[in-house]
Amino acid sequence: MFFLPTFCCPASCFRSRACRYGRNIFGEGLPLTHYLRIVRAIMLKGATLPNLQYDAIVLLALMLLAMTIAVTRFRRTLD
């Protein structure tokens, strides 16, 4: 359910320069876009860690955002 909109987003499938501005903004907010960039850089270009720094930081930020939302919404009652 989560991957379908991500795969349909052109920013994760095509170069971001070929997409319109609104789609680029939407694509940058999806974790799969940054994950695919990291995988492509490692597999195709043999990238090192400094080359992957931007996408890794964005993935970390998206993870922290999702965890923060999950923790704040979680409520356990002892009833």
N, C-alpha and C. Protein backbone atom coordinates (compact mmCIF):
# COMPACT_ATOMS: atom_id res chain seq x y z
N MET A 1 0.82 -1.18 0.00
CA MET A 1 0.00 0.00 0.00
C MET A 1 0.87 1.26 0.00
N PHE A 2 2.01 1.19 0.66
CA PHE A 2 2.88 2.35 0.71
C PHE A 2 3.74 2.46 -0.55
N PHE A 3 4.15 1.32 -1.11
CA PHE A 3 5.07 1.35 -2.24
C PHE A 3 4.39 1.72 -3.55
N LEU A 4 3.11 1.45 -3.68
CA LEU A 4 2.42 1.75 -4.94
C LEU A 4 2.48 3.23 -5.30
N PRO A 5 2.13 4.17 -4.41
CA PRO A 5 2.27 5.58 -4.79
C PRO A 5 3.72 5.98 -5.02
N THR A 6 4.63 5.32 -4.33
CA THR A 6 6.04 5.64 -4.50
C THR A 6 6.54 5.21 -5.86
N PHE A 7 6.15 4.03 -6.30
CA PHE A 7 6.57 3.57 -7.61
C PHE A 7 5.91 4.36 -8.73
N CYS A 8 4.72 4.86 -8.48
CA CYS A 8 4.03 5.66 -9.50
C CYS A 8 4.60 7.07 -9.58
N CYS A 9 5.31 7.49 -8.56
CA CYS A 9 5.89 8.83 -8.56
C CYS A 9 7.09 8.85 -9.50
N PRO A 10 7.09 9.72 -10.46
CA PRO A 10 8.18 9.76 -11.43
C PRO A 10 9.54 10.07 -10.82
N ALA A 11 9.60 10.73 -9.68
CA ALA A 11 10.88 11.08 -9.09
C ALA A 11 11.65 9.85 -8.65
N SER A 12 10.95 8.75 -8.36
CA SER A 12 11.66 7.55 -7.95
C SER A 12 12.04 6.69 -9.15
N CYS A 13 11.40 6.89 -10.29
CA CYS A 13 11.68 6.06 -11.46
C CYS A 13 12.55 6.76 -12.49
N PHE A 14 12.39 8.04 -12.62
CA PHE A 14 13.11 8.79 -13.64
C PHE A 14 14.01 9.83 -12.99
N ARG A 15 14.79 10.46 -13.77
CA ARG A 15 15.60 11.55 -13.25
C ARG A 15 14.70 12.69 -12.80
N SER A 16 15.11 13.32 -11.72
CA SER A 16 14.26 14.37 -11.18
C SER A 16 14.23 15.60 -12.07
N ARG A 17 15.22 15.77 -12.92
CA ARG A 17 15.23 16.93 -13.82
C ARG A 17 14.16 16.83 -14.90
N ALA A 18 13.72 15.61 -15.19
CA ALA A 18 12.73 15.41 -16.24
C ALA A 18 11.30 15.60 -15.73
N CYS A 19 11.12 15.70 -14.42
CA CYS A 19 9.79 15.82 -13.83
C CYS A 19 9.44 17.28 -13.58
N ARG A 20 8.18 17.51 -13.37
CA ARG A 20 7.73 18.86 -13.02
C ARG A 20 8.08 19.17 -11.58
N TYR A 21 8.04 20.44 -11.23
CA TYR A 21 8.46 20.90 -9.92
C TYR A 21 7.64 20.29 -8.78
N GLY A 22 6.32 20.24 -8.94
CA GLY A 22 5.45 19.69 -7.90
C GLY A 22 5.72 18.22 -7.64
N ARG A 23 5.98 17.49 -8.68
CA ARG A 23 6.28 16.07 -8.53
C ARG A 23 7.63 15.85 -7.88
N ASN A 24 8.57 16.74 -8.14
CA ASN A 24 9.87 16.64 -7.49
C ASN A 24 9.74 16.84 -5.99
N ILE A 25 8.93 17.81 -5.58
CA ILE A 25 8.73 18.06 -4.14
C ILE A 25 8.09 16.83 -3.50
N PHE A 26 7.07 16.28 -4.15
CA PHE A 26 6.41 15.08 -3.63
C PHE A 26 7.38 13.91 -3.56
N GLY A 27 8.18 13.73 -4.57
CA GLY A 27 9.14 12.62 -4.62
C GLY A 27 10.23 12.73 -3.58
N GLU A 28 10.64 13.94 -3.25
CA GLU A 28 11.68 14.12 -2.24
C GLU A 28 11.19 13.74 -0.85
N GLY A 29 9.90 13.75 -0.64
CA GLY A 29 9.35 13.40 0.66
C GLY A 29 9.13 11.91 0.84
N LEU A 30 9.38 11.12 -0.18
CA LEU A 30 9.19 9.68 -0.08
C LEU A 30 10.52 8.98 0.19
N PRO A 31 10.56 8.07 1.13
CA PRO A 31 11.82 7.40 1.47
C PRO A 31 12.38 6.53 0.35
N LEU A 32 11.50 5.94 -0.45
CA LEU A 32 11.98 5.04 -1.50
C LEU A 32 12.82 5.78 -2.53
N THR A 33 12.53 7.03 -2.77
CA THR A 33 13.32 7.83 -3.72
C THR A 33 14.77 7.89 -3.28
N HIS A 34 15.00 8.17 -2.02
CA HIS A 34 16.37 8.29 -1.52
C HIS A 34 17.04 6.93 -1.42
N TYR A 35 16.28 5.91 -1.06
CA TYR A 35 16.83 4.56 -1.01
C TYR A 35 17.29 4.11 -2.40
N LEU A 36 16.47 4.36 -3.41
CA LEU A 36 16.85 3.97 -4.77
C LEU A 36 18.07 4.74 -5.25
N ARG A 37 18.20 6.00 -4.87
CA ARG A 37 19.39 6.78 -5.24
C ARG A 37 20.64 6.17 -4.62
N ILE A 38 20.52 5.74 -3.36
CA ILE A 38 21.67 5.13 -2.68
C ILE A 38 22.04 3.81 -3.35
N VAL A 39 21.05 2.99 -3.64
CA VAL A 39 21.32 1.70 -4.27
C VAL A 39 21.93 1.89 -5.65
N ARG A 40 21.38 2.80 -6.44
CA ARG A 40 21.94 3.06 -7.77
C ARG A 40 23.38 3.56 -7.69
N ALA A 41 23.65 4.45 -6.74
CA ALA A 41 25.00 5.00 -6.62
C ALA A 41 26.00 3.92 -6.24
N ILE A 42 25.60 3.02 -5.35
CA ILE A 42 26.52 1.96 -4.93
C ILE A 42 26.70 0.93 -6.04
N MET A 43 25.62 0.48 -6.63
CA MET A 43 25.70 -0.60 -7.63
C MET A 43 26.28 -0.14 -8.96
N LEU A 44 25.89 1.03 -9.41
CA LEU A 44 26.30 1.47 -10.74
C LEU A 44 27.58 2.30 -10.74
N LYS A 45 27.76 3.09 -9.70
CA LYS A 45 28.89 4.02 -9.71
C LYS A 45 29.97 3.68 -8.70
N GLY A 46 29.70 2.74 -7.81
CA GLY A 46 30.66 2.41 -6.78
C GLY A 46 30.90 3.56 -5.82
N ALA A 47 29.83 4.21 -5.42
CA ALA A 47 29.91 5.40 -4.58
C ALA A 47 30.41 5.04 -3.17
N THR A 48 31.05 6.01 -2.54
CA THR A 48 31.52 5.85 -1.18
C THR A 48 30.57 6.57 -0.22
N LEU A 49 30.82 6.45 1.06
CA LEU A 49 29.94 7.06 2.05
C LEU A 49 29.81 8.57 1.93
N PRO A 50 30.88 9.33 1.68
CA PRO A 50 30.69 10.78 1.51
C PRO A 50 29.77 11.14 0.34
N ASN A 51 29.75 10.31 -0.69
CA ASN A 51 28.88 10.57 -1.84
C ASN A 51 27.41 10.33 -1.51
N LEU A 52 27.16 9.50 -0.51
CA LEU A 52 25.79 9.13 -0.16
C LEU A 52 25.25 9.93 1.02
N GLN A 53 25.99 10.90 1.46
CA GLN A 53 25.67 11.62 2.69
C GLN A 53 24.31 12.30 2.65
N TYR A 54 23.99 13.00 1.58
CA TYR A 54 22.72 13.73 1.51
C TYR A 54 21.53 12.79 1.63
N ASP A 55 21.51 11.75 0.83
CA ASP A 55 20.36 10.83 0.85
C ASP A 55 20.27 10.07 2.16
N ALA A 56 21.41 9.73 2.76
CA ALA A 56 21.38 9.04 4.04
C ALA A 56 20.82 9.95 5.14
N ILE A 57 21.18 11.22 5.12
CA ILE A 57 20.67 12.16 6.11
C ILE A 57 19.17 12.37 5.93
N VAL A 58 18.71 12.45 4.69
CA VAL A 58 17.28 12.62 4.44
C VAL A 58 16.51 11.37 4.90
N LEU A 59 17.05 10.18 4.62
CA LEU A 59 16.40 8.96 5.09
C LEU A 59 16.33 8.92 6.61
N LEU A 60 17.40 9.33 7.26
CA LEU A 60 17.41 9.38 8.72
C LEU A 60 16.36 10.36 9.24
N ALA A 61 16.26 11.52 8.61
CA ALA A 61 15.28 12.52 9.03
C ALA A 61 13.86 12.01 8.83
N LEU A 62 13.59 11.35 7.71
CA LEU A 62 12.26 10.80 7.47
C LEU A 62 11.93 9.69 8.48
N MET A 63 12.94 8.90 8.84
CA MET A 63 12.73 7.86 9.84
C MET A 63 12.41 8.47 11.20
N LEU A 64 13.15 9.50 11.58
CA LEU A 64 12.90 10.16 12.86
C LEU A 64 11.53 10.81 12.88
N LEU A 65 11.12 11.40 11.77
CA LEU A 65 9.79 11.99 11.69
C LEU A 65 8.70 10.93 11.86
N ALA A 66 8.85 9.81 11.18
CA ALA A 66 7.86 8.74 11.28
C ALA A 66 7.83 8.16 12.69
N MET A 67 8.99 8.00 13.30
CA MET A 67 9.03 7.47 14.67
C MET A 67 8.42 8.45 15.67
N THR A 68 8.66 9.73 15.47
CA THR A 68 8.08 10.74 16.36
C THR A 68 6.56 10.74 16.27
N ILE A 69 6.05 10.66 15.07
CA ILE A 69 4.60 10.61 14.88
C ILE A 69 4.02 9.35 15.52
N ALA A 70 4.70 8.22 15.33
CA ALA A 70 4.20 6.96 15.89
C ALA A 70 4.21 6.98 17.41
N VAL A 71 5.27 7.53 18.00
CA VAL A 71 5.37 7.55 19.46
C VAL A 71 4.34 8.51 20.06
N THR A 72 4.13 9.63 19.45
CA THR A 72 3.16 10.58 19.99
C THR A 72 1.72 10.08 19.84
N ARG A 73 1.46 9.26 18.84
CA ARG A 73 0.10 8.75 18.64
C ARG A 73 -0.18 7.49 19.44
N PHE A 74 0.88 6.82 19.92
CA PHE A 74 0.71 5.58 20.66
C PHE A 74 0.22 5.88 22.06
N ARG A 75 -0.86 5.22 22.44
CA ARG A 75 -1.40 5.37 23.79
C ARG A 75 -1.78 3.98 24.29
N ARG A 76 -1.29 3.66 25.45
CA ARG A 76 -1.63 2.37 26.04
C ARG A 76 -2.38 2.64 27.35
N THR A 77 -3.49 1.98 27.50
CA THR A 77 -4.24 2.10 28.75
C THR A 77 -4.12 0.79 29.52
N LEU A 78 -4.18 0.89 30.81
CA LEU A 78 -4.05 -0.29 31.66
C LEU A 78 -5.39 -0.79 32.16
N ASP A 79 -6.44 -0.51 31.43
CA ASP A 79 -7.78 -0.93 31.83
C ASP A 79 -8.00 -2.40 31.61
